[in-house]
PDB file of N, CA and C in Angstrom:
ATOM      1  N   VAL A   1       1.012  -1.255   0.048  1.00  0.00           N
ATOM      2  CA  VAL A   1       0.162  -0.273  -0.118  1.00  0.00           C
ATOM      3  C   VAL A   1       0.981   1.065  -0.080  1.00  0.00           C
ATOM      4  N   HIS A   2       0.655   1.952  -1.083  1.00  0.00           N
ATOM      5  CA  HIS A   2       1.410   3.518  -1.157  1.00  0.00           C
ATOM      6  C   HIS A   2       1.610   4.177  -0.278  1.00  0.00           C
ATOM      7  N   GLU A   3       0.320   4.506   0.233  1.00  0.00           N
ATOM      8  CA  GLU A   3      -0.303   5.722   1.234  1.00  0.00           C
ATOM      9  C   GLU A   3       0.648   5.076   2.309  1.00  0.00           C
ATOM     10  N   ALA A   4       0.527   3.929   3.011  1.00  0.00           N
ATOM     11  CA  ALA A   4       1.112   3.296   4.080  1.00  0.00           C
ATOM     12  C   ALA A   4       3.142   3.315   4.007  1.00  0.00           C
ATOM     13  N   GLU A   5       3.228   3.052   2.722  1.00  0.00           N
ATOM     14  CA  GLU A   5       4.898   3.458   2.018  1.00  0.00           C
ATOM     15  C   GLU A   5       4.967   4.518   2.003  1.00  0.00           C
ATOM     16  N   GLU A   6       4.468   5.341   2.625  1.00  0.00           N
ATOM     17  CA  GLU A   6       4.686   6.255   2.503  1.00  0.00           C
ATOM     18  C   GLU A   6       4.881   7.331   3.732  1.00  0.00           C
ATOM     19  N   ILE A   7       3.931   7.010   4.766  1.00  0.00           N
ATOM     20  CA  ILE A   7       4.075   6.790   6.229  1.00  0.00           C
ATOM     21  C   ILE A   7       5.306   6.831   6.606  1.00  0.00           C
ATOM     22  N   LEU A   8       5.504   5.351   6.205  1.00  0.00           N
ATOM     23  CA  LEU A   8       7.169   5.107   7.069  1.00  0.00           C
ATOM     24  C   LEU A   8       7.708   5.660   6.338  1.00  0.00           C
ATOM     25  N   ALA A   9       8.115   5.593   4.832  1.00  0.00           N
ATOM     26  CA  ALA A   9       9.746   6.120   4.568  1.00  0.00           C
ATOM     27  C   ALA A   9      10.480   6.919   5.182  1.00  0.00           C
ATOM     28  N   HIS A  10       9.737   8.307   5.119  1.00  0.00           N
ATOM     29  CA  HIS A  10       9.660   9.133   5.614  1.00  0.00           C
ATOM     30  C   HIS A  10       8.636  10.020   7.160  1.00  0.00           C
ATOM     31  N   ARG A  11       9.266   9.216   7.981  1.00  0.00           N
ATOM     32  CA  ARG A  11       9.020   9.693   9.783  1.00  0.00           C
ATOM     33  C   ARG A  11      10.551   8.557   9.988  1.00  0.00           C
ATOM     34  N   THR A  12      10.999   8.581  11.323  1.00  0.00           N
ATOM     35  CA  THR A  12      11.819   7.906  12.265  1.00  0.00           C
ATOM     36  C   THR A  12      10.118   6.655  12.441  1.00  0.00           C
ATOM     37  N   ILE A  13      10.653   5.204  12.522  1.00  0.00           N
ATOM     38  CA  ILE A  13       9.813   4.578  13.220  1.00  0.00           C
ATOM     39  C   ILE A  13       9.456   4.655  14.842  1.00  0.00           C
ATOM     40  N   SER A  14       8.606   4.667  14.859  1.00  0.00           N
ATOM     41  CA  SER A  14       7.381   4.043  16.501  1.00  0.00           C
ATOM     42  C   SER A  14       6.346   3.607  16.073  1.00  0.00           C
ATOM     43  N   GLU A  15       5.472   3.462  17.571  1.00  0.00           N
ATOM     44  CA  GLU A  15       4.532   2.257  17.797  1.00  0.00           C
ATOM     45  C   GLU A  15       3.405   3.426  16.783  1.00  0.00           C
ATOM     46  N   ALA A  16       3.514   4.813  16.713  1.00  0.00           N
ATOM     47  CA  ALA A  16       2.430   5.980  16.164  1.00  0.00           C
ATOM     48  C   ALA A  16       2.616   6.108  14.111  1.00  0.00           C
ATOM     49  N   VAL A  17       3.971   5.707  14.452  1.00  0.00           N
ATOM     50  CA  VAL A  17       4.035   6.109  12.636  1.00  0.00           C
ATOM     51  C   VAL A  17       3.167   4.600  12.230  1.00  0.00           C
ATOM     52  N   ILE A  18       3.877   3.200  13.276  1.00  0.00           N
ATOM     53  CA  ILE A  18       3.446   2.424  12.938  1.00  0.00           C
ATOM     54  C   ILE A  18       1.637   2.287  13.322  1.00  0.00           C
ATOM     55  N   ASN A  19       1.008   2.889  14.335  1.00  0.00           N
ATOM     56  CA  ASN A  19      -0.321   2.849  13.555  1.00  0.00           C
ATOM     57  C   ASN A  19      -1.163   3.359  12.395  1.00  0.00           C
ATOM     58  N   ASN A  20       0.000   4.896  12.631  1.00  0.00           N
ATOM     59  CA  ASN A  20      -0.663   5.649  11.317  1.00  0.00           C
ATOM     60  C   ASN A  20      -0.689   4.812   9.548  1.00  0.00           C
ATOM     61  N   ALA A  21       0.288   4.066   9.979  1.00  0.00           N
ATOM     62  CA  ALA A  21       0.105   3.102   8.479  1.00  0.00           C
ATOM     63  C   ALA A  21      -0.270   2.613   8.638  1.00  0.00           C
ATOM     64  N   ALA A  22      -1.121   1.596   9.951  1.00  0.00           N
ATOM     65  CA  ALA A  22      -1.947   0.918   9.280  1.00  0.00           C
ATOM     66  C   ALA A  22      -3.104   1.195   9.047  1.00  0.00           C
ATOM     67  N   GLU A  23      -3.566   2.274   9.837  1.00  0.00           N
ATOM     68  CA  GLU A  23      -4.849   3.491   9.595  1.00  0.00           C
ATOM     69  C   GLU A  23      -4.718   3.151   7.813  1.00  0.00           C
ATOM     70  N   ALA A  24      -3.449   4.030   7.395  1.00  0.00           N
ATOM     71  CA  ALA A  24      -4.098   4.223   6.045  1.00  0.00           C
ATOM     72  C   ALA A  24      -4.148   3.140   5.624  1.00  0.00           C
ATOM     73  N   ALA A  25      -3.449   1.880   4.856  1.00  0.00           N
ATOM     74  CA  ALA A  25      -3.575   1.002   4.640  1.00  0.00           C
ATOM     75  C   ALA A  25      -5.416   0.092   5.038  1.00  0.00           C
ATOM     76  N   GLN A  26      -5.607   0.506   5.610  1.00  0.00           N
ATOM     77  CA  GLN A  26      -7.795   0.417   6.312  1.00  0.00           C
ATOM     78  C   GLN A  26      -8.397   0.649   5.392  1.00  0.00           C
ATOM     79  N   GLU A  27      -7.772   2.348   5.484  1.00  0.00           N
ATOM     80  CA  GLU A  27      -8.498   3.580   4.889  1.00  0.00           C
ATOM     81  C   GLU A  27      -8.498   2.480   3.123  1.00  0.00           C
ATOM     82  N   VAL A  28      -7.323   2.275   2.036  1.00  0.00           N
ATOM     83  CA  VAL A  28      -7.467   2.155   0.916  1.00  0.00           C
ATOM     84  C   VAL A  28      -7.291   0.970   0.580  1.00  0.00           C
ATOM     85  N   SER A  29      -7.889  -0.044   1.701  1.00  0.00           N
ATOM     86  CA  SER A  29      -8.424  -1.339   0.736  1.00  0.00           C
ATOM     87  C   SER A  29     -10.036  -1.182   0.789  1.00  0.00           C
ATOM     88  N   THR A  30      -9.986  -1.999   0.128  1.00  0.00           N
ATOM     89  CA  THR A  30     -11.522  -2.393  -0.594  1.00  0.00           C
ATOM     90  C   THR A  30     -12.147  -4.098  -0.217  1.00  0.00           C
ATOM     91  N   PRO A  31     -12.199  -4.145   0.457  1.00  0.00           N
ATOM     92  CA  PRO A  31     -12.592  -5.545   0.769  1.00  0.00           C
ATOM     93  C   PRO A  31     -14.355  -5.576   0.062  1.00  0.00           C
ATOM     94  N   ILE A  32     -14.676  -6.873  -0.043  1.00  0.00           N
ATOM     95  CA  ILE A  32     -15.441  -7.657  -0.101  1.00  0.00           C
ATOM     96  C   ILE A  32     -16.221  -8.635   0.971  1.00  0.00           C
ATOM     97  N   ASP A  33     -17.800  -7.860   1.527  1.00  0.00           N
ATOM     98  CA  ASP A  33     -18.800  -9.481   2.277  1.00  0.00           C
ATOM     99  C   ASP A  33     -18.961 -10.443   1.120  1.00  0.00           C
ATOM    100  N   ASP A  34     -18.910 -11.433   1.692  1.00  0.00           N
ATOM    101  CA  ASP A  34     -19.449 -12.886   1.585  1.00  0.00           C
ATOM    102  C   ASP A  34     -19.096 -13.473   2.792  1.00  0.00           C
ATOM    103  N   VAL A  35     -20.439 -14.519   2.619  1.00  0.00           N
ATOM    104  CA  VAL A  35     -20.035 -15.768   3.809  1.00  0.00           C
ATOM    105  C   VAL A  35     -19.227 -16.128   4.690  1.00  0.00           C
ATOM    106  N   ARG A  36     -17.510 -15.722   4.415  1.00  0.00           N
ATOM    107  CA  ARG A  36     -16.827 -16.136   5.394  1.00  0.00           C
ATOM    108  C   ARG A  36     -16.595 -14.423   6.498  1.00  0.00           C
ATOM    109  N   ALA A  37     -16.602 -13.738   6.077  1.00  0.00           N
ATOM    110  CA  ALA A  37     -16.357 -12.895   6.378  1.00  0.00           C
ATOM    111  C   ALA A  37     -17.284 -11.394   5.815  1.00  0.00           C
ATOM    112  N   SER A  38     -17.634  -9.822   6.891  1.00  0.00           N
ATOM    113  CA  SER A  38     -17.786  -9.092   6.530  1.00  0.00           C
ATOM    114  C   SER A  38     -16.600  -8.305   6.274  1.00  0.00           C
ATOM    115  N   ALA A  39     -17.166  -7.040   4.810  1.00  0.00           N
ATOM    116  CA  ALA A  39     -16.101  -6.045   4.381  1.00  0.00           C
ATOM    117  C   ALA A  39     -15.791  -5.578   5.688  1.00  0.00           C
ATOM    118  N   ARG A  40     -16.324  -4.642   6.756  1.00  0.00           N
ATOM    119  CA  ARG A  40     -16.247  -4.357   7.644  1.00  0.00           C
ATOM    120  C   ARG A  40     -15.205  -5.180   8.467  1.00  0.00           C
ATOM    121  N   TYR A  41     -15.254  -5.964   8.878  1.00  0.00           N
ATOM    122  CA  TYR A  41     -14.446  -6.644   9.485  1.00  0.00           C
ATOM    123  C   TYR A  41     -13.066  -7.921   8.777  1.00  0.00           C
ATOM    124  N   ARG A  42     -13.605  -7.546   7.691  1.00  0.00           N
ATOM    125  CA  ARG A  42     -11.757  -7.553   6.317  1.00  0.00           C
ATOM    126  C   ARG A  42     -11.197  -6.387   6.786  1.00  0.00           C
ATOM    127  N   LYS A  43     -11.145  -5.570   6.473  1.00  0.00           N
ATOM    128  CA  LYS A  43     -10.891  -3.529   6.867  1.00  0.00           C
ATOM    129  C   LYS A  43     -10.372  -3.853   8.308  1.00  0.00           C
ATOM    130  N   ALA A  44     -11.008  -4.086   9.471  1.00  0.00           N
ATOM    131  CA  ALA A  44     -10.549  -4.390  10.661  1.00  0.00           C
ATOM    132  C   ALA A  44      -8.965  -5.119  10.999  1.00  0.00           C
ATOM    133  N   MET A  45      -9.606  -6.369   9.830  1.00  0.00           N
ATOM    134  CA  MET A  45      -8.309  -7.152   9.845  1.00  0.00           C
ATOM    135  C   MET A  45      -6.626  -6.804   8.760  1.00  0.00           C
ATOM    136  N   VAL A  46      -7.292  -5.016   8.083  1.00  0.00           N
ATOM    137  CA  VAL A  46      -6.419  -4.656   7.423  1.00  0.00           C
ATOM    138  C   VAL A  46      -5.509  -3.827   8.421  1.00  0.00           C
ATOM    139  N   LYS A  47      -5.902  -4.034   9.067  1.00  0.00           N
ATOM    140  CA  LYS A  47      -5.404  -2.884   9.704  1.00  0.00           C
ATOM    141  C   LYS A  47      -4.253  -3.651  10.768  1.00  0.00           C
ATOM    142  N   GLU A  48      -5.069  -4.268  11.538  1.00  0.00           N
ATOM    143  CA  GLU A  48      -4.760  -5.247  12.485  1.00  0.00           C
ATOM    144  C   GLU A  48      -2.862  -6.193  12.369  1.00  0.00           C
ATOM    145  N   LEU A  49      -3.332  -6.970  11.003  1.00  0.00           N
ATOM    146  CA  LEU A  49      -2.239  -7.546  10.523  1.00  0.00           C
ATOM    147  C   LEU A  49      -1.254  -6.674  10.119  1.00  0.00           C
ATOM    148  N   THR A  50      -1.910  -5.315   9.531  1.00  0.00           N
ATOM    149  CA  THR A  50      -0.745  -4.379   8.521  1.00  0.00           C
ATOM    150  C   THR A  50       0.024  -3.502   9.993  1.00  0.00           C
ATOM    151  N   ARG A  51      -0.276  -3.796  10.505  1.00  0.00           N
ATOM    152  CA  ARG A  51       0.274  -3.208  12.634  1.00  0.00           C
ATOM    153  C   ARG A  51       0.779  -4.518  13.336  1.00  0.00           C
ATOM    154  N   ARG A  52       0.454  -5.635  13.165  1.00  0.00           N
ATOM    155  CA  ARG A  52       1.338  -6.413  13.836  1.00  0.00           C
ATOM    156  C   ARG A  52       2.345  -6.865  13.108  1.00  0.00           C
ATOM    157  N   GLY A  53       2.501  -6.827  11.466  1.00  0.00           N
ATOM    158  CA  GLY A  53       3.801  -7.349  11.158  1.00  0.00           C
ATOM    159  C   GLY A  53       4.672  -6.057  11.129  1.00  0.00           C
ATOM    160  N   LEU A  54       4.163  -4.468  11.143  1.00  0.00           N
ATOM    161  CA  LEU A  54       5.807  -3.803  11.142  1.00  0.00           C
ATOM    162  C   LEU A  54       6.014  -3.834  12.601  1.00  0.00           C
ATOM    163  N   LEU A  55       4.879  -4.822  13.734  1.00  0.00           N
ATOM    164  CA  LEU A  55       6.092  -4.354  14.245  1.00  0.00           C
ATOM    165  C   LEU A  55       6.937  -5.274  14.969  1.00  0.00           C
ATOM    166  N   GLU A  56       6.186  -6.298  14.518  1.00  0.00           N
ATOM    167  CA  GLU A  56       7.189  -7.952  14.476  1.00  0.00           C
ATOM    168  C   GLU A  56       8.534  -7.831  13.725  1.00  0.00           C
ATOM    169  N   VAL A  57       8.896  -7.167  12.555  1.00  0.00           N
ATOM    170  CA  VAL A  57       9.571  -6.120  11.346  1.00  0.00           C
ATOM    171  C   VAL A  57      10.218  -5.445  12.549  1.00  0.00           C
ATOM    172  N   TRP A  58       9.845  -3.850  12.574  1.00  0.00           N
ATOM    173  CA  TRP A  58      10.796  -2.979  13.789  1.00  0.00           C
ATOM    174  C   TRP A  58      10.790  -3.893  14.935  1.00  0.00           C
ATOM    175  N   SER A  59      10.907  -4.840  15.748  1.00  0.00           N
ATOM    176  CA  SER A  59      11.303  -5.563  16.866  1.00  0.00           C
ATOM    177  C   SER A  59      12.645  -6.497  15.965  1.00  0.00           C
ATOM    178  N   GLN A  60      12.528  -6.916  15.488  1.00  0.00           N
ATOM    179  CA  GLN A  60      13.480  -7.556  14.684  1.00  0.00           C
ATOM    180  C   GLN A  60      14.428  -6.802  14.635  1.00  0.00           C
ATOM    181  N   LEU A  61      14.865  -6.089  14.266  1.00  0.00           N
ATOM    182  CA  LEU A  61      15.356  -4.901  13.239  1.00  0.00           C
ATOM    183  C   LEU A  61      15.827  -3.964  14.270  1.00  0.00           C
ATOM    184  N   LYS A  62      15.512  -4.007  15.319  1.00  0.00           N
ATOM    185  CA  LYS A  62      15.829  -3.271  16.914  1.00  0.00           C
ATOM    186  C   LYS A  62      17.000  -4.744  17.678  1.00  0.00           C
ATOM    187  N   LYS A  63      16.580  -5.566  17.155  1.00  0.00           N
ATOM    188  CA  LYS A  63      17.307  -6.786  17.686  1.00  0.00           C
ATOM    189  C   LYS A  63      18.341  -6.683  17.225  1.00  0.00           C
ATOM    190  N   GLU A  64      18.695  -6.826  15.960  1.00  0.00           N
ATOM    191  CA  GLU A  64      19.961  -6.873  15.339  1.00  0.00           C
ATOM    192  C   GLU A  64      20.794  -5.695  15.363  1.00  0.00           C
ATOM    193  N   ALA A  65      20.126  -4.209  15.556  1.00  0.00           N
ATOM    194  CA  ALA A  65      21.260  -2.957  14.933  1.00  0.00           C
ATOM    195  C   ALA A  65      21.673  -3.169  16.805  1.00  0.00           C
TER     196      ALA A  65
END
């Protein structure tokens, strides 16, 4: 998601910046409704899974530094 990438590329990484990037990913996502999950739920998952993934990467990078 280019919007999230822009947020991450131009700021010092912190939890707040990661949360902003996750929100940006959620805003531009366009999931569908179907029998397995609603679009609303899927949008929430885009935000949460993006946040978790970025936090994990950030944590690993801090350990390597």
